[in-house]
């Protein structure tokens, strides 16, 4: 990410890893530590013709390196969010969504760790 980009509270950003994107709302930027406190919204997997969208609005907030976030386009997020809002989560989906978020974050952490060891 370009360090000249400054995120603001309420802005939608994303973390990208492999074929997935985590869309989240910025809650606060901790400039002194180069961290971004975000509230996850959606995890979108682009593995098929129709993206798989996972609702993460009940997941825990994240504090993550601001350098890995990119600003999201409103038009892109609105399309995904409208699909999620049209469906009621089934029992068990919330727990599954939290597990998928946890796995996604672990994969990003592992990739960052491996790239810093090189």
PDB file of N, CA and C in Angstrom:
ATOM      1  N   UNK A   1       0.843  -1.188   0.000  1.00  0.00           N
ATOM      2  CA  UNK A   1       0.000   0.000   0.000  1.00  0.00           C
ATOM      3  C   UNK A   1       0.874   1.233   0.000  1.00  0.00           C
ATOM      4  N   UNK A   2       0.442   2.254  -0.646  1.00  0.00           N
ATOM      5  CA  UNK A   2       1.144   3.527  -0.670  1.00  0.00           C
ATOM      6  C   UNK A   2       0.930   4.228   0.664  1.00  0.00           C
ATOM      7  N   UNK A   3       2.005   4.612   1.329  1.00  0.00           N
ATOM      8  CA  UNK A   3       1.893   5.219   2.657  1.00  0.00           C
ATOM      9  C   UNK A   3       1.267   6.611   2.609  1.00  0.00           C
ATOM     10  N   UNK A   4       1.112   7.193   1.416  1.00  0.00           N
ATOM     11  CA  UNK A   4       0.478   8.503   1.339  1.00  0.00           C
ATOM     12  C   UNK A   4      -1.039   8.398   1.517  1.00  0.00           C
ATOM     13  N   UNK A   5      -1.578   7.178   1.403  1.00  0.00           N
ATOM     14  CA  UNK A   5      -3.008   6.974   1.609  1.00  0.00           C
ATOM     15  C   UNK A   5      -3.286   6.982   3.104  1.00  0.00           C
ATOM     16  N   UNK A   6      -4.216   7.822   3.513  1.00  0.00           N
ATOM     17  CA  UNK A   6      -4.578   7.879   4.920  1.00  0.00           C
ATOM     18  C   UNK A   6      -6.019   7.402   5.057  1.00  0.00           C
ATOM     19  N   UNK A   7      -6.211   6.406   5.883  1.00  0.00           N
ATOM     20  CA  UNK A   7      -7.544   5.888   6.100  1.00  0.00           C
ATOM     21  C   UNK A   7      -8.250   6.695   7.172  1.00  0.00           C
ATOM     22  N   UNK A   8      -9.582   6.735   7.050  1.00  0.00           N
ATOM     23  CA  UNK A   8     -10.404   7.453   8.019  1.00  0.00           C
ATOM     24  C   UNK A   8     -11.423   6.480   8.605  1.00  0.00           C
ATOM     25  N   UNK A   9     -11.875   6.770   9.805  1.00  0.00           N
ATOM     26  CA  UNK A   9     -12.916   5.954  10.435  1.00  0.00           C
ATOM     27  C   UNK A   9     -14.131   5.905   9.515  1.00  0.00           C
ATOM     28  N   UNK A  10     -14.707   4.716   9.364  1.00  0.00           N
ATOM     29  CA  UNK A  10     -15.868   4.533   8.506  1.00  0.00           C
ATOM     30  C   UNK A  10     -15.534   4.111   7.090  1.00  0.00           C
ATOM     31  N   UNK A  11     -14.270   4.243   6.708  1.00  0.00           N
ATOM     32  CA  UNK A  11     -13.861   3.877   5.348  1.00  0.00           C
ATOM     33  C   UNK A  11     -13.821   2.348   5.221  1.00  0.00           C
ATOM     34  N   UNK A  12     -14.135   1.843   4.042  1.00  0.00           N
ATOM     35  CA  UNK A  12     -14.078   0.406   3.777  1.00  0.00           C
ATOM     36  C   UNK A  12     -12.736   0.099   3.113  1.00  0.00           C
ATOM     37  N   UNK A  13     -12.059  -0.898   3.673  1.00  0.00           N
ATOM     38  CA  UNK A  13     -10.753  -1.313   3.169  1.00  0.00           C
ATOM     39  C   UNK A  13     -10.783  -2.832   2.972  1.00  0.00           C
ATOM     40  N   UNK A  14      -9.731  -3.349   2.357  1.00  0.00           N
ATOM     41  CA  UNK A  14      -9.645  -4.800   2.243  1.00  0.00           C
ATOM     42  C   UNK A  14      -8.215  -5.283   2.427  1.00  0.00           C
ATOM     43  N   UNK A  15      -8.128  -6.540   2.880  1.00  0.00           N
ATOM     44  CA  UNK A  15      -6.876  -7.297   2.950  1.00  0.00           C
ATOM     45  C   UNK A  15      -7.003  -8.376   1.890  1.00  0.00           C
ATOM     46  N   UNK A  16      -5.962  -8.571   1.107  1.00  0.00           N
ATOM     47  CA  UNK A  16      -6.033  -9.568   0.051  1.00  0.00           C
ATOM     48  C   UNK A  16      -4.966 -10.626   0.281  1.00  0.00           C
ATOM     49  N   UNK A  17      -5.365 -11.879   0.114  1.00  0.00           N
ATOM     50  CA  UNK A  17      -4.418 -12.989   0.199  1.00  0.00           C
ATOM     51  C   UNK A  17      -4.906 -14.083  -0.726  1.00  0.00           C
ATOM     52  N   UNK A  18      -4.034 -14.517  -1.597  1.00  0.00           N
ATOM     53  CA  UNK A  18      -4.358 -15.563  -2.551  1.00  0.00           C
ATOM     54  C   UNK A  18      -5.581 -15.125  -3.371  1.00  0.00           C
ATOM     55  N   UNK A  19      -6.652 -15.914  -3.335  1.00  0.00           N
ATOM     56  CA  UNK A  19      -7.838 -15.586  -4.138  1.00  0.00           C
ATOM     57  C   UNK A  19      -8.971 -15.053  -3.266  1.00  0.00           C
ATOM     58  N   UNK A  20      -8.624 -14.525  -2.084  1.00  0.00           N
ATOM     59  CA  UNK A  20      -9.653 -14.039  -1.161  1.00  0.00           C
ATOM     60  C   UNK A  20      -9.369 -12.607  -0.723  1.00  0.00           C
ATOM     61  N   UNK A  21     -10.465 -11.935  -0.395  1.00  0.00           N
ATOM     62  CA  UNK A  21     -10.378 -10.574   0.142  1.00  0.00           C
ATOM     63  C   UNK A  21     -11.242 -10.465   1.388  1.00  0.00           C
ATOM     64  N   UNK A  22     -10.682  -9.852   2.408  1.00  0.00           N
ATOM     65  CA  UNK A  22     -11.421  -9.541   3.625  1.00  0.00           C
ATOM     66  C   UNK A  22     -11.779  -8.060   3.553  1.00  0.00           C
ATOM     67  N   UNK A  23     -13.069  -7.758   3.487  1.00  0.00           N
ATOM     68  CA  UNK A  23     -13.538  -6.377   3.486  1.00  0.00           C
ATOM     69  C   UNK A  23     -13.899  -5.991   4.913  1.00  0.00           C
ATOM     70  N   UNK A  24     -13.466  -4.800   5.325  1.00  0.00           N
ATOM     71  CA  UNK A  24     -13.688  -4.370   6.696  1.00  0.00           C
ATOM     72  C   UNK A  24     -13.845  -2.855   6.758  1.00  0.00           C
ATOM     73  N   UNK A  25     -14.476  -2.404   7.835  1.00  0.00           N
ATOM     74  CA  UNK A  25     -14.655  -0.973   8.081  1.00  0.00           C
ATOM     75  C   UNK A  25     -13.576  -0.495   9.046  1.00  0.00           C
ATOM     76  N   UNK A  26     -12.938   0.619   8.716  1.00  0.00           N
ATOM     77  CA  UNK A  26     -11.925   1.196   9.596  1.00  0.00           C
ATOM     78  C   UNK A  26     -12.619   1.794  10.819  1.00  0.00           C
ATOM     79  N   UNK A  27     -12.174   1.392  11.999  1.00  0.00           N
ATOM     80  CA  UNK A  27     -12.672   1.955  13.246  1.00  0.00           C
ATOM     81  C   UNK A  27     -11.726   3.061  13.700  1.00  0.00           C
ATOM     82  N   UNK A  28     -10.437   2.749  13.675  1.00  0.00           N
ATOM     83  CA  UNK A  28      -9.433   3.728  14.100  1.00  0.00           C
ATOM     84  C   UNK A  28      -8.087   3.360  13.498  1.00  0.00           C
ATOM     85  N   UNK A  29      -7.278   4.365  13.215  1.00  0.00           N
ATOM     86  CA  UNK A  29      -5.917   4.160  12.750  1.00  0.00           C
ATOM     87  C   UNK A  29      -4.979   4.535  13.891  1.00  0.00           C
ATOM     88  N   UNK A  30      -4.071   3.616  14.232  1.00  0.00           N
ATOM     89  CA  UNK A  30      -3.077   3.863  15.279  1.00  0.00           C
ATOM     90  C   UNK A  30      -1.777   4.197  14.552  1.00  0.00           C
ATOM     91  N   UNK A  31      -1.612   5.486  14.227  1.00  0.00           N
ATOM     92  CA  UNK A  31      -0.503   5.947  13.396  1.00  0.00           C
ATOM     93  C   UNK A  31       0.845   5.619  14.033  1.00  0.00           C
ATOM     94  N   UNK A  32       0.960   5.819  15.332  1.00  0.00           N
ATOM     95  CA  UNK A  32       2.246   5.620  16.016  1.00  0.00           C
ATOM     96  C   UNK A  32       2.752   4.179  15.890  1.00  0.00           C
ATOM     97  N   UNK A  33       1.847   3.226  15.737  1.00  0.00           N
ATOM     98  CA  UNK A  33       2.237   1.815  15.626  1.00  0.00           C
ATOM     99  C   UNK A  33       1.980   1.252  14.233  1.00  0.00           C
ATOM    100  N   UNK A  34       1.521   2.104  13.301  1.00  0.00           N
ATOM    101  CA  UNK A  34       1.218   1.683  11.925  1.00  0.00           C
ATOM    102  C   UNK A  34       0.211   0.530  11.897  1.00  0.00           C
ATOM    103  N   UNK A  35      -0.824   0.642  12.747  1.00  0.00           N
ATOM    104  CA  UNK A  35      -1.863  -0.369  12.831  1.00  0.00           C
ATOM    105  C   UNK A  35      -3.210   0.221  12.449  1.00  0.00           C
ATOM    106  N   UNK A  36      -4.080  -0.650  12.001  1.00  0.00           N
ATOM    107  CA  UNK A  36      -5.427  -0.251  11.651  1.00  0.00           C
ATOM    108  C   UNK A  36      -6.392  -1.158  12.406  1.00  0.00           C
ATOM    109  N   UNK A  37      -7.299  -0.552  13.161  1.00  0.00           N
ATOM    110  CA  UNK A  37      -8.339  -1.288  13.877  1.00  0.00           C
ATOM    111  C   UNK A  37      -9.529  -1.335  12.946  1.00  0.00           C
ATOM    112  N   UNK A  38      -9.931  -2.541  12.565  1.00  0.00           N
ATOM    113  CA  UNK A  38     -11.019  -2.695  11.611  1.00  0.00           C
ATOM    114  C   UNK A  38     -12.087  -3.643  12.144  1.00  0.00           C
ATOM    115  N   UNK A  39     -13.290  -3.474  11.615  1.00  0.00           N
ATOM    116  CA  UNK A  39     -14.423  -4.354  11.911  1.00  0.00           C
ATOM    117  C   UNK A  39     -14.734  -5.148  10.641  1.00  0.00           C
ATOM    118  N   UNK A  40     -14.473  -6.459  10.648  1.00  0.00           N
ATOM    119  CA  UNK A  40     -14.719  -7.277   9.446  1.00  0.00           C
ATOM    120  C   UNK A  40     -16.180  -7.260   9.011  1.00  0.00           C
ATOM    121  N   UNK A  41     -16.382  -7.233   7.696  1.00  0.00           N
ATOM    122  CA  UNK A  41     -17.719  -7.281   7.110  1.00  0.00           C
ATOM    123  C   UNK A  41     -17.907  -8.555   6.314  1.00  0.00           C
ATOM    124  N   UNK A  42     -16.992  -8.774   5.360  1.00  0.00           N
ATOM    125  CA  UNK A  42     -17.167  -9.876   4.414  1.00  0.00           C
ATOM    126  C   UNK A  42     -15.826 -10.516   4.076  1.00  0.00           C
ATOM    127  N   UNK A  43     -15.856 -11.815   3.849  1.00  0.00           N
ATOM    128  CA  UNK A  43     -14.715 -12.521   3.280  1.00  0.00           C
ATOM    129  C   UNK A  43     -15.209 -13.058   1.943  1.00  0.00           C
ATOM    130  N   UNK A  44     -14.556 -12.650   0.870  1.00  0.00           N
ATOM    131  CA  UNK A  44     -15.005 -13.031  -0.470  1.00  0.00           C
ATOM    132  C   UNK A  44     -13.925 -13.883  -1.133  1.00  0.00           C
ATOM    133  N   UNK A  45     -14.321 -15.083  -1.552  1.00  0.00           N
ATOM    134  CA  UNK A  45     -13.417 -15.990  -2.265  1.00  0.00           C
ATOM    135  C   UNK A  45     -13.752 -15.931  -3.752  1.00  0.00           C
ATOM    136  N   UNK A  46     -12.729 -15.646  -4.545  1.00  0.00           N
ATOM    137  CA  UNK A  46     -12.911 -15.514  -5.988  1.00  0.00           C
ATOM    138  C   UNK A  46     -12.434 -16.780  -6.701  1.00  0.00           C
ATOM    139  N   UNK A  47     -12.770 -17.954  -6.150  1.00  0.00           N
ATOM    140  CA  UNK A  47     -12.301 -19.220  -6.704  1.00  0.00           C
ATOM    141  C   UNK A  47     -13.200 -19.756  -7.808  1.00  0.00           C
ATOM    142  N   UNK A  48     -14.420 -19.272  -7.861  1.00  0.00           N
ATOM    143  CA  UNK A  48     -15.364 -19.756  -8.862  1.00  0.00           C
ATOM    144  C   UNK A  48     -15.880 -18.572  -9.672  1.00  0.00           C
ATOM    145  N   UNK A  49     -16.692 -18.892 -10.660  1.00  0.00           N
ATOM    146  CA  UNK A  49     -17.256 -17.836 -11.504  1.00  0.00           C
ATOM    147  C   UNK A  49     -18.084 -16.864 -10.660  1.00  0.00           C
ATOM    148  N   UNK A  50     -18.858 -17.423  -9.721  1.00  0.00           N
ATOM    149  CA  UNK A  50     -19.629 -16.581  -8.800  1.00  0.00           C
ATOM    150  C   UNK A  50     -18.874 -16.558  -7.470  1.00  0.00           C
ATOM    151  N   UNK A  51     -18.436 -15.383  -7.016  1.00  0.00           N
ATOM    152  CA  UNK A  51     -17.681 -15.325  -5.771  1.00  0.00           C
ATOM    153  C   UNK A  51     -18.474 -15.858  -4.574  1.00  0.00           C
ATOM    154  N   UNK A  52     -17.767 -16.557  -3.682  1.00  0.00           N
ATOM    155  CA  UNK A  52     -18.376 -17.038  -2.439  1.00  0.00           C
ATOM    156  C   UNK A  52     -18.231 -15.929  -1.403  1.00  0.00           C
ATOM    157  N   UNK A  53     -19.354 -15.518  -0.803  1.00  0.00           N
ATOM    158  CA  UNK A  53     -19.356 -14.405   0.144  1.00  0.00           C
ATOM    159  C   UNK A  53     -19.711 -14.925   1.529  1.00  0.00           C
ATOM    160  N   UNK A  54     -18.852 -14.622   2.494  1.00  0.00           N
ATOM    161  CA  UNK A  54     -19.080 -15.040   3.870  1.00  0.00           C
ATOM    162  C   UNK A  54     -19.331 -13.796   4.712  1.00  0.00           C
ATOM    163  N   UNK A  55     -20.439 -13.795   5.425  1.00  0.00           N
ATOM    164  CA  UNK A  55     -20.842 -12.676   6.287  1.00  0.00           C
ATOM    165  C   UNK A  55     -20.035 -12.732   7.586  1.00  0.00           C
ATOM    166  N   UNK A  56     -19.261 -11.684   7.851  1.00  0.00           N
ATOM    167  CA  UNK A  56     -18.422 -11.638   9.052  1.00  0.00           C
ATOM    168  C   UNK A  56     -18.851 -10.540  10.024  1.00  0.00           C
ATOM    169  N   UNK A  57     -20.054 -10.036   9.872  1.00  0.00           N
ATOM    170  CA  UNK A  57     -20.457  -8.902  10.709  1.00  0.00           C
ATOM    171  C   UNK A  57     -20.546  -9.255  12.194  1.00  0.00           C
ATOM    172  N   UNK A  58     -20.618 -10.545  12.531  1.00  0.00           N
ATOM    173  CA  UNK A  58     -20.645 -10.958  13.934  1.00  0.00           C
ATOM    174  C   UNK A  58     -19.267 -11.378  14.445  1.00  0.00           C
ATOM    175  N   UNK A  59     -18.239 -11.221  13.621  1.00  0.00           N
ATOM    176  CA  UNK A  59     -16.883 -11.611  14.013  1.00  0.00           C
ATOM    177  C   UNK A  59     -16.221 -10.506  14.841  1.00  0.00           C
ATOM    178  N   UNK A  60     -15.121 -10.854  15.475  1.00  0.00           N
ATOM    179  CA  UNK A  60     -14.375  -9.905  16.308  1.00  0.00           C
ATOM    180  C   UNK A  60     -13.605  -8.900  15.459  1.00  0.00           C
ATOM    181  N   UNK A  61     -13.380  -7.735  16.032  1.00  0.00           N
ATOM    182  CA  UNK A  61     -12.568  -6.713  15.368  1.00  0.00           C
ATOM    183  C   UNK A  61     -11.119  -7.189  15.265  1.00  0.00           C
ATOM    184  N   UNK A  62     -10.374  -6.567  14.346  1.00  0.00           N
ATOM    185  CA  UNK A  62      -8.973  -6.889  14.141  1.00  0.00           C
ATOM    186  C   UNK A  62      -8.109  -5.647  14.305  1.00  0.00           C
ATOM    187  N   UNK A  63      -6.912  -5.843  14.780  1.00  0.00           N
ATOM    188  CA  UNK A  63      -5.885  -4.808  14.808  1.00  0.00           C
ATOM    189  C   UNK A  63      -4.754  -5.361  13.966  1.00  0.00           C
ATOM    190  N   UNK A  64      -4.509  -4.747  12.808  1.00  0.00           N
ATOM    191  CA  UNK A  64      -3.586  -5.330  11.834  1.00  0.00           C
ATOM    192  C   UNK A  64      -2.733  -4.235  11.207  1.00  0.00           C
ATOM    193  N   UNK A  65      -1.606  -4.632  10.639  1.00  0.00           N
ATOM    194  CA  UNK A  65      -0.687  -3.687  10.004  1.00  0.00           C
ATOM    195  C   UNK A  65      -1.396  -2.879   8.916  1.00  0.00           C
ATOM    196  N   UNK A  66      -1.296  -1.561   9.039  1.00  0.00           N
ATOM    197  CA  UNK A  66      -1.964  -0.676   8.080  1.00  0.00           C
ATOM    198  C   UNK A  66      -1.384  -0.835   6.675  1.00  0.00           C
ATOM    199  N   UNK A  67      -0.144  -1.280   6.589  1.00  0.00           N
ATOM    200  CA  UNK A  67       0.532  -1.409   5.297  1.00  0.00           C
ATOM    201  C   UNK A  67      -0.094  -2.470   4.394  1.00  0.00           C
ATOM    202  N   UNK A  68      -0.850  -3.380   4.964  1.00  0.00           N
ATOM    203  CA  UNK A  68      -1.437  -4.461   4.174  1.00  0.00           C
ATOM    204  C   UNK A  68      -2.836  -4.143   3.649  1.00  0.00           C
ATOM    205  N   UNK A  69      -3.433  -3.078   4.157  1.00  0.00           N
ATOM    206  CA  UNK A  69      -4.779  -2.715   3.733  1.00  0.00           C
ATOM    207  C   UNK A  69      -4.757  -1.866   2.477  1.00  0.00           C
ATOM    208  N   UNK A  70      -5.808  -2.021   1.684  1.00  0.00           N
ATOM    209  CA  UNK A  70      -5.997  -1.190   0.503  1.00  0.00           C
ATOM    210  C   UNK A  70      -7.411  -0.624   0.552  1.00  0.00           C
ATOM    211  N   UNK A  71      -7.618   0.572   0.013  1.00  0.00           N
ATOM    212  CA  UNK A  71      -8.979   1.121  -0.001  1.00  0.00           C
ATOM    213  C   UNK A  71      -9.867   0.323  -0.945  1.00  0.00           C
ATOM    214  N   UNK A  72     -11.087   0.068  -0.518  1.00  0.00           N
ATOM    215  CA  UNK A  72     -12.046  -0.676  -1.342  1.00  0.00           C
ATOM    216  C   UNK A  72     -12.941   0.290  -2.098  1.00  0.00           C
ATOM    217  N   UNK A  73     -13.416  -0.151  -3.251  1.00  0.00           N
ATOM    218  CA  UNK A  73     -14.365   0.643  -4.015  1.00  0.00           C
ATOM    219  C   UNK A  73     -15.758   0.411  -3.450  1.00  0.00           C
ATOM    220  N   UNK A  74     -16.477   1.485  -3.190  1.00  0.00           N
ATOM    221  CA  UNK A  74     -17.824   1.373  -2.640  1.00  0.00           C
ATOM    222  C   UNK A  74     -18.720   0.499  -3.508  1.00  0.00           C
ATOM    223  N   UNK A  75     -18.627   0.675  -4.821  1.00  0.00           N
ATOM    224  CA  UNK A  75     -19.501  -0.073  -5.732  1.00  0.00           C
ATOM    225  C   UNK A  75     -19.259  -1.578  -5.638  1.00  0.00           C
ATOM    226  N   UNK A  76     -18.019  -1.961  -5.415  1.00  0.00           N
ATOM    227  CA  UNK A  76     -17.676  -3.371  -5.283  1.00  0.00           C
ATOM    228  C   UNK A  76     -18.282  -3.950  -4.001  1.00  0.00           C
ATOM    229  N   UNK A  77     -18.127  -3.244  -2.903  1.00  0.00           N
ATOM    230  CA  UNK A  77     -18.592  -3.724  -1.601  1.00  0.00           C
ATOM    231  C   UNK A  77     -20.119  -3.745  -1.530  1.00  0.00           C
ATOM    232  N   UNK A  78     -20.771  -2.756  -2.102  1.00  0.00           N
ATOM    233  CA  UNK A  78     -22.234  -2.674  -2.055  1.00  0.00           C
ATOM    234  C   UNK A  78     -22.864  -3.905  -2.706  1.00  0.00           C
ATOM    235  N   UNK A  79     -22.313  -4.351  -3.827  1.00  0.00           N
ATOM    236  CA  UNK A  79     -22.834  -5.536  -4.502  1.00  0.00           C
ATOM    237  C   UNK A  79     -22.738  -6.779  -3.628  1.00  0.00           C
ATOM    238  N   UNK A  80     -21.588  -6.969  -2.980  1.00  0.00           N
ATOM    239  CA  UNK A  80     -21.401  -8.128  -2.102  1.00  0.00           C
ATOM    240  C   UNK A  80     -22.294  -8.022  -0.872  1.00  0.00           C
ATOM    241  N   UNK A  81     -22.352  -6.831  -0.287  1.00  0.00           N
ATOM    242  CA  UNK A  81     -23.118  -6.628   0.942  1.00  0.00           C
ATOM    243  C   UNK A  81     -24.617  -6.825   0.701  1.00  0.00           C
ATOM    244  N   UNK A  82     -25.100  -6.386  -0.457  1.00  0.00           N
ATOM    245  CA  UNK A  82     -26.531  -6.543  -0.743  1.00  0.00           C
ATOM    246  C   UNK A  82     -26.915  -8.019  -0.832  1.00  0.00           C
ATOM    247  N   UNK A  83     -26.001  -8.865  -1.327  1.00  0.00           N
ATOM    248  CA  UNK A  83     -26.275 -10.309  -1.376  1.00  0.00           C
ATOM    249  C   UNK A  83     -26.368 -10.893   0.032  1.00  0.00           C
ATOM    250  N   UNK A  84     -25.481 -10.460   0.914  1.00  0.00           N
ATOM    251  CA  UNK A  84     -25.463 -10.957   2.294  1.00  0.00           C
ATOM    252  C   UNK A  84     -26.704 -10.492   3.053  1.00  0.00           C
ATOM    253  N   UNK A  85     -27.085  -9.239   2.869  1.00  0.00           N
ATOM    254  CA  UNK A  85     -28.229  -8.691   3.596  1.00  0.00           C
ATOM    255  C   UNK A  85     -29.546  -9.335   3.165  1.00  0.00           C
ATOM    256  N   UNK A  86     -29.576  -9.893   1.965  1.00  0.00           N
ATOM    257  CA  UNK A  86     -30.801 -10.523   1.462  1.00  0.00           C
ATOM    258  C   UNK A  86     -31.044 -11.903   2.080  1.00  0.00           C
ATOM    259  N   UNK A  87     -30.015 -12.443   2.745  1.00  0.00           N
ATOM    260  CA  UNK A  87     -30.130 -13.787   3.323  1.00  0.00           C
ATOM    261  C   UNK A  87     -30.053 -13.721   4.844  1.00  0.00           C
ATOM    262  N   UNK A  88     -30.819 -14.573   5.505  1.00  0.00           N
ATOM    263  CA  UNK A  88     -30.719 -14.722   6.955  1.00  0.00           C
ATOM    264  C   UNK A  88     -29.680 -15.802   7.232  1.00  0.00           C
ATOM    265  N   UNK A  89     -28.727 -15.554   8.153  1.00  0.00           N
ATOM    266  CA  UNK A  89     -27.747 -16.604   8.448  1.00  0.00           C
ATOM    267  C   UNK A  89     -28.424 -17.821   9.092  1.00  0.00           C
ATOM    268  N   UNK A  90     -27.994 -18.982   8.675  1.00  0.00           N
ATOM    269  CA  UNK A  90     -28.516 -20.217   9.252  1.00  0.00           C
ATOM    270  C   UNK A  90     -27.722 -20.545  10.511  1.00  0.00           C
ATOM    271  N   UNK A  91     -28.314 -21.293  11.445  1.00  0.00           N
ATOM    272  CA  UNK A  91     -27.555 -21.687  12.641  1.00  0.00           C
ATOM    273  C   UNK A  91     -26.276 -22.409  12.228  1.00  0.00           C
ATOM    274  N   UNK A  92     -25.198 -22.062  12.876  1.00  0.00           N
ATOM    275  CA  UNK A  92     -23.908 -22.672  12.550  1.00  0.00           C
ATOM    276  C   UNK A  92     -23.091 -21.866  11.569  1.00  0.00           C
ATOM    277  N   UNK A  93     -23.746 -21.009  10.764  1.00  0.00           N
ATOM    278  CA  UNK A  93     -23.004 -20.217   9.780  1.00  0.00           C
ATOM    279  C   UNK A  93     -22.117 -19.170  10.449  1.00  0.00           C
ATOM    280  N   UNK A  94     -22.578 -18.619  11.572  1.00  0.00           N
ATOM    281  CA  UNK A  94     -21.791 -17.582  12.244  1.00  0.00           C
ATOM    282  C   UNK A  94     -20.492 -18.179  12.780  1.00  0.00           C
ATOM    283  N   UNK A  95     -20.573 -19.345  13.417  1.00  0.00           N
ATOM    284  CA  UNK A  95     -19.377 -20.009  13.926  1.00  0.00           C
ATOM    285  C   UNK A  95     -18.444 -20.372  12.780  1.00  0.00           C
ATOM    286  N   UNK A  96     -18.986 -20.913  11.698  1.00  0.00           N
ATOM    287  CA  UNK A  96     -18.186 -21.265  10.531  1.00  0.00           C
ATOM    288  C   UNK A  96     -17.506 -20.028   9.947  1.00  0.00           C
ATOM    289  N   UNK A  97     -18.215 -18.914   9.887  1.00  0.00           N
ATOM    290  CA  UNK A  97     -17.650 -17.671   9.355  1.00  0.00           C
ATOM    291  C   UNK A  97     -16.473 -17.218  10.211  1.00  0.00           C
ATOM    292  N   UNK A  98     -16.621 -17.301  11.528  1.00  0.00           N
ATOM    293  CA  UNK A  98     -15.529 -16.903  12.431  1.00  0.00           C
ATOM    294  C   UNK A  98     -14.317 -17.807  12.253  1.00  0.00           C
ATOM    295  N   UNK A  99     -14.550 -19.094  12.037  1.00  0.00           N
ATOM    296  CA  UNK A  99     -13.443 -20.022  11.809  1.00  0.00           C
ATOM    297  C   UNK A  99     -12.736 -19.712  10.494  1.00  0.00           C
ATOM    298  N   UNK A 100     -13.501 -19.358   9.468  1.00  0.00           N
ATOM    299  CA  UNK A 100     -12.891 -19.026   8.175  1.00  0.00           C
ATOM    300  C   UNK A 100     -12.087 -17.735   8.269  1.00  0.00           C
ATOM    301  N   UNK A 101     -12.591 -16.753   9.030  1.00  0.00           N
ATOM    302  CA  UNK A 101     -11.839 -15.514   9.245  1.00  0.00           C
ATOM    303  C   UNK A 101     -10.529 -15.825   9.965  1.00  0.00           C
ATOM    304  N   UNK A 102     -10.609 -16.646  11.000  1.00  0.00           N
ATOM    305  CA  UNK A 102      -9.425 -17.021  11.762  1.00  0.00           C
ATOM    306  C   UNK A 102      -8.395 -17.692  10.858  1.00  0.00           C
ATOM    307  N   UNK A 103      -8.845 -18.594  10.005  1.00  0.00           N
ATOM    308  CA  UNK A 103      -7.938 -19.290   9.081  1.00  0.00           C
ATOM    309  C   UNK A 103      -7.315 -18.309   8.089  1.00  0.00           C
ATOM    310  N   UNK A 104      -8.108 -17.396   7.559  1.00  0.00           N
ATOM    311  CA  UNK A 104      -7.620 -16.398   6.601  1.00  0.00           C
ATOM    312  C   UNK A 104      -6.530 -15.528   7.242  1.00  0.00           C
ATOM    313  N   UNK A 105      -6.785 -15.052   8.455  1.00  0.00           N
ATOM    314  CA  UNK A 105      -5.812 -14.203   9.160  1.00  0.00           C
ATOM    315  C   UNK A 105      -4.543 -14.984   9.459  1.00  0.00           C
ATOM    316  N   UNK A 106      -4.692 -16.243   9.858  1.00  0.00           N
ATOM    317  CA  UNK A 106      -3.524 -17.086  10.123  1.00  0.00           C
ATOM    318  C   UNK A 106      -2.676 -17.247   8.858  1.00  0.00           C
ATOM    319  N   UNK A 107      -3.322 -17.444   7.706  1.00  0.00           N
ATOM    320  CA  UNK A 107      -2.592 -17.594   6.446  1.00  0.00           C
ATOM    321  C   UNK A 107      -1.836 -16.315   6.079  1.00  0.00           C
ATOM    322  N   UNK A 108      -2.462 -15.166   6.296  1.00  0.00           N
ATOM    323  CA  UNK A 108      -1.775 -13.888   6.020  1.00  0.00           C
ATOM    324  C   UNK A 108      -0.589 -13.729   6.957  1.00  0.00           C
ATOM    325  N   UNK A 109      -0.798 -14.025   8.232  1.00  0.00           N
ATOM    326  CA  UNK A 109       0.277 -13.915   9.222  1.00  0.00           C
ATOM    327  C   UNK A 109       1.442 -14.823   8.837  1.00  0.00           C
ATOM    328  N   UNK A 110       1.126 -16.061   8.453  1.00  0.00           N
ATOM    329  CA  UNK A 110       2.163 -17.021   8.057  1.00  0.00           C
ATOM    330  C   UNK A 110       2.928 -16.515   6.834  1.00  0.00           C
ATOM    331  N   UNK A 111       2.208 -15.991   5.856  1.00  0.00           N
ATOM    332  CA  UNK A 111       2.858 -15.478   4.636  1.00  0.00           C
ATOM    333  C   UNK A 111       3.764 -14.286   4.959  1.00  0.00           C
ATOM    334  N   UNK A 112       3.307 -13.405   5.855  1.00  0.00           N
ATOM    335  CA  UNK A 112       4.131 -12.250   6.254  1.00  0.00           C
ATOM    336  C   UNK A 112       5.381 -12.704   7.000  1.00  0.00           C
ATOM    337  N   UNK A 113       5.212 -13.685   7.866  1.00  0.00           N
ATOM    338  CA  UNK A 113       6.321 -14.226   8.648  1.00  0.00           C
ATOM    339  C   UNK A 113       7.369 -14.835   7.715  1.00  0.00           C
ATOM    340  N   UNK A 114       6.902 -15.622   6.727  1.00  0.00           N
ATOM    341  CA  UNK A 114       7.813 -16.259   5.792  1.00  0.00           C
ATOM    342  C   UNK A 114       8.521 -15.249   4.913  1.00  0.00           C
ATOM    343  N   UNK A 115       7.829 -14.197   4.490  1.00  0.00           N
ATOM    344  CA  UNK A 115       8.464 -13.196   3.618  1.00  0.00           C
ATOM    345  C   UNK A 115       9.482 -12.354   4.398  1.00  0.00           C
ATOM    346  N   UNK A 116       9.279 -12.189   5.714  1.00  0.00           N
ATOM    347  CA  UNK A 116      10.247 -11.404   6.505  1.00  0.00           C
ATOM    348  C   UNK A 116      11.466 -12.238   6.867  1.00  0.00           C
ATOM    349  N   UNK A 117      11.365 -13.572   6.778  1.00  0.00           N
ATOM    350  CA  UNK A 117      12.502 -14.433   7.076  1.00  0.00           C
ATOM    351  C   UNK A 117      13.447 -14.543   5.890  1.00  0.00           C
ATOM    352  N   UNK A 118      12.973 -14.218   4.699  1.00  0.00           N
ATOM    353  CA  UNK A 118      13.797 -14.324   3.486  1.00  0.00           C
ATOM    354  C   UNK A 118      14.838 -13.243   3.425  1.00  0.00           C
TER     355      UNK A 118
END
